[in-house]
Amino acid sequence: QLIGFNYYSGLFYSTSGSKQEGRALAAGIHEATLAIGMSLGTIAGGWLGTVAGPRAPYWMSAGFILFLIAVQIAARQRWETGRSENDSISGDELF
């Protein structure tokens, strides 16, 4: 049940921040990201586990998650900087 909740809440949040015209594109990007992640992550994890040992895929995943956290922090700082420079523009107009 938790997996289904996470899936649908991610899909909801990816489309709720978009304008009506861009919701289908946002949903498509969400689905493509999940499919690519499941496909490439499984292949890369299996290969790395075979080559470097059974713990290597977990280290790879941890490193990738830390990388994505850094990307999110940088994106948020960039968004906040742009928002403070354009106080008259609402957050919806930046996308």
C-alpha atoms as a PDB file:
ATOM      1  CA  GLN A   1       0.000   0.000   0.000  1.00  0.00           C
ATOM      2  CA  LEU A   2       2.795   2.408   0.801  1.00  0.00           C
ATOM      3  CA  ILE A   3       4.374   1.955  -2.628  1.00  0.00           C
ATOM      4  CA  GLY A   4       1.092   2.820  -4.327  1.00  0.00           C
ATOM      5  CA  PHE A   5       0.666   5.882  -2.129  1.00  0.00           C
ATOM      6  CA  ASN A   6       4.170   7.109  -2.920  1.00  0.00           C
ATOM      7  CA  TYR A   7       3.648   6.538  -6.632  1.00  0.00           C
ATOM      8  CA  TYR A   8       0.357   8.416  -6.833  1.00  0.00           C
ATOM      9  CA  SER A   9       1.474  11.226  -4.545  1.00  0.00           C
ATOM     10  CA  GLY A  10       4.587  11.714  -6.699  1.00  0.00           C
ATOM     11  CA  LEU A  11       2.441  11.773  -9.821  1.00  0.00           C
ATOM     12  CA  PHE A  12       0.044  14.228  -8.168  1.00  0.00           C
ATOM     13  CA  TYR A  13       2.785  16.616  -7.072  1.00  0.00           C
ATOM     14  CA  SER A  14       4.521  16.464 -10.450  1.00  0.00           C
ATOM     15  CA  THR A  15       1.308  17.508 -12.207  1.00  0.00           C
ATOM     16  CA  SER A  16      -0.197  19.866  -9.624  1.00  0.00           C
ATOM     17  CA  GLY A  17       2.609  22.395 -10.015  1.00  0.00           C
ATOM     18  CA  SER A  18       2.092  22.578 -13.765  1.00  0.00           C
ATOM     19  CA  LYS A  19      -0.333  24.649 -15.756  1.00  0.00           C
ATOM     20  CA  GLN A  20      -3.218  22.816 -17.402  1.00  0.00           C
ATOM     21  CA  GLU A  21      -1.437  22.681 -20.774  1.00  0.00           C
ATOM     22  CA  GLY A  22       1.708  21.131 -19.298  1.00  0.00           C
ATOM     23  CA  ARG A  23       0.201  18.456 -17.057  1.00  0.00           C
ATOM     24  CA  ALA A  24       0.392  15.681 -19.633  1.00  0.00           C
ATOM     25  CA  LEU A  25       4.061  16.504 -20.251  1.00  0.00           C
ATOM     26  CA  ALA A  26       4.765  16.528 -16.498  1.00  0.00           C
ATOM     27  CA  ALA A  27       3.053  13.151 -16.087  1.00  0.00           C
ATOM     28  CA  GLY A  28       5.022  11.770 -19.043  1.00  0.00           C
ATOM     29  CA  ILE A  29       8.318  12.979 -17.605  1.00  0.00           C
ATOM     30  CA  HIS A  30       7.379  11.437 -14.243  1.00  0.00           C
ATOM     31  CA  GLU A  31       6.592   8.078 -15.849  1.00  0.00           C
ATOM     32  CA  ALA A  32       9.713   8.134 -18.039  1.00  0.00           C
ATOM     33  CA  THR A  33      11.913   8.940 -15.053  1.00  0.00           C
ATOM     34  CA  LEU A  34      10.495   6.015 -13.088  1.00  0.00           C
ATOM     35  CA  ALA A  35      10.879   3.610 -16.007  1.00  0.00           C
ATOM     36  CA  ILE A  36      14.456   4.668 -16.754  1.00  0.00           C
ATOM     37  CA  GLY A  37      15.396   4.508 -13.070  1.00  0.00           C
ATOM     38  CA  MET A  38      13.942   1.042 -12.607  1.00  0.00           C
ATOM     39  CA  SER A  39      15.549  -0.274 -15.788  1.00  0.00           C
ATOM     40  CA  LEU A  40      19.004   1.265 -15.547  1.00  0.00           C
ATOM     41  CA  GLY A  41      19.186   0.972 -11.760  1.00  0.00           C
ATOM     42  CA  THR A  42      18.486  -2.739 -11.880  1.00  0.00           C
ATOM     43  CA  ILE A  43      20.993  -3.351 -14.661  1.00  0.00           C
ATOM     44  CA  ALA A  44      23.711  -1.186 -13.096  1.00  0.00           C
ATOM     45  CA  GLY A  45      23.139  -2.652  -9.627  1.00  0.00           C
ATOM     46  CA  GLY A  46      23.311  -6.228 -10.896  1.00  0.00           C
ATOM     47  CA  TRP A  47      26.442  -5.567 -12.913  1.00  0.00           C
ATOM     48  CA  LEU A  48      28.133  -3.716 -10.056  1.00  0.00           C
ATOM     49  CA  GLY A  49      27.184  -6.461  -7.588  1.00  0.00           C
ATOM     50  CA  THR A  50      28.750  -9.056  -9.868  1.00  0.00           C
ATOM     51  CA  VAL A  51      31.928  -7.068 -10.479  1.00  0.00           C
ATOM     52  CA  ALA A  52      32.541  -5.371  -7.117  1.00  0.00           C
ATOM     53  CA  GLY A  53      30.654  -7.462  -4.573  1.00  0.00           C
ATOM     54  CA  PRO A  54      27.205  -7.600  -3.040  1.00  0.00           C
ATOM     55  CA  ARG A  55      27.547  -4.352  -1.070  1.00  0.00           C
ATOM     56  CA  ALA A  56      28.558  -2.215  -4.035  1.00  0.00           C
ATOM     57  CA  PRO A  57      25.020  -1.570  -5.357  1.00  0.00           C
ATOM     58  CA  TYR A  58      24.016  -0.163  -1.977  1.00  0.00           C
ATOM     59  CA  TRP A  59      27.021   2.170  -1.953  1.00  0.00           C
ATOM     60  CA  MET A  60      26.190   3.206  -5.517  1.00  0.00           C
ATOM     61  CA  SER A  61      22.604   3.952  -4.476  1.00  0.00           C
ATOM     62  CA  ALA A  62      23.729   5.939  -1.441  1.00  0.00           C
ATOM     63  CA  GLY A  63      26.113   7.999  -3.561  1.00  0.00           C
ATOM     64  CA  PHE A  64      23.448   8.640  -6.170  1.00  0.00           C
ATOM     65  CA  ILE A  65      20.952   9.728  -3.520  1.00  0.00           C
ATOM     66  CA  LEU A  66      23.514  12.137  -2.019  1.00  0.00           C
ATOM     67  CA  PHE A  67      24.179  13.519  -5.500  1.00  0.00           C
ATOM     68  CA  LEU A  68      20.458  14.071  -6.082  1.00  0.00           C
ATOM     69  CA  ILE A  69      20.099  15.782  -2.694  1.00  0.00           C
ATOM     70  CA  ALA A  70      22.885  18.184  -3.709  1.00  0.00           C
ATOM     71  CA  VAL A  71      21.108  18.860  -7.016  1.00  0.00           C
ATOM     72  CA  GLN A  72      17.856  19.589  -5.148  1.00  0.00           C
ATOM     73  CA  ILE A  73      19.616  21.980  -2.760  1.00  0.00           C
ATOM     74  CA  ALA A  74      21.260  23.820  -5.666  1.00  0.00           C
ATOM     75  CA  ALA A  75      17.959  24.038  -7.562  1.00  0.00           C
ATOM     76  CA  ARG A  76      16.159  25.399  -4.515  1.00  0.00           C
ATOM     77  CA  GLN A  77      18.844  28.007  -3.879  1.00  0.00           C
ATOM     78  CA  ARG A  78      18.678  29.062  -7.525  1.00  0.00           C
ATOM     79  CA  TRP A  79      14.891  29.278  -7.348  1.00  0.00           C
ATOM     80  CA  GLU A  80      14.984  31.319  -4.121  1.00  0.00           C
ATOM     81  CA  THR A  81      17.570  33.690  -5.617  1.00  0.00           C
ATOM     82  CA  GLY A  82      15.422  34.219  -8.699  1.00  0.00           C
ATOM     83  CA  ARG A  83      12.361  34.686  -6.524  1.00  0.00           C
ATOM     84  CA  SER A  84      13.982  37.344  -4.348  1.00  0.00           C
ATOM     85  CA  GLU A  85      15.182  39.268  -7.417  1.00  0.00           C
ATOM     86  CA  ASN A  86      11.693  39.197  -8.944  1.00  0.00           C
ATOM     87  CA  ASP A  87       9.465  39.888  -5.953  1.00  0.00           C
ATOM     88  CA  SER A  88       6.630  40.990  -8.231  1.00  0.00           C
ATOM     89  CA  ILE A  89       6.536  37.592  -9.989  1.00  0.00           C
ATOM     90  CA  SER A  90       4.662  34.756  -8.332  1.00  0.00           C
ATOM     91  CA  GLY A  91       6.172  31.281  -8.084  1.00  0.00           C
ATOM     92  CA  ASP A  92       3.791  29.914 -10.732  1.00  0.00           C
ATOM     93  CA  GLU A  93       5.144  32.323 -13.345  1.00  0.00           C
ATOM     94  CA  LEU A  94       8.707  31.052 -12.957  1.00  0.00           C
ATOM     95  CA  PHE A  95       7.844  27.666 -14.444  1.00  0.00           C
END
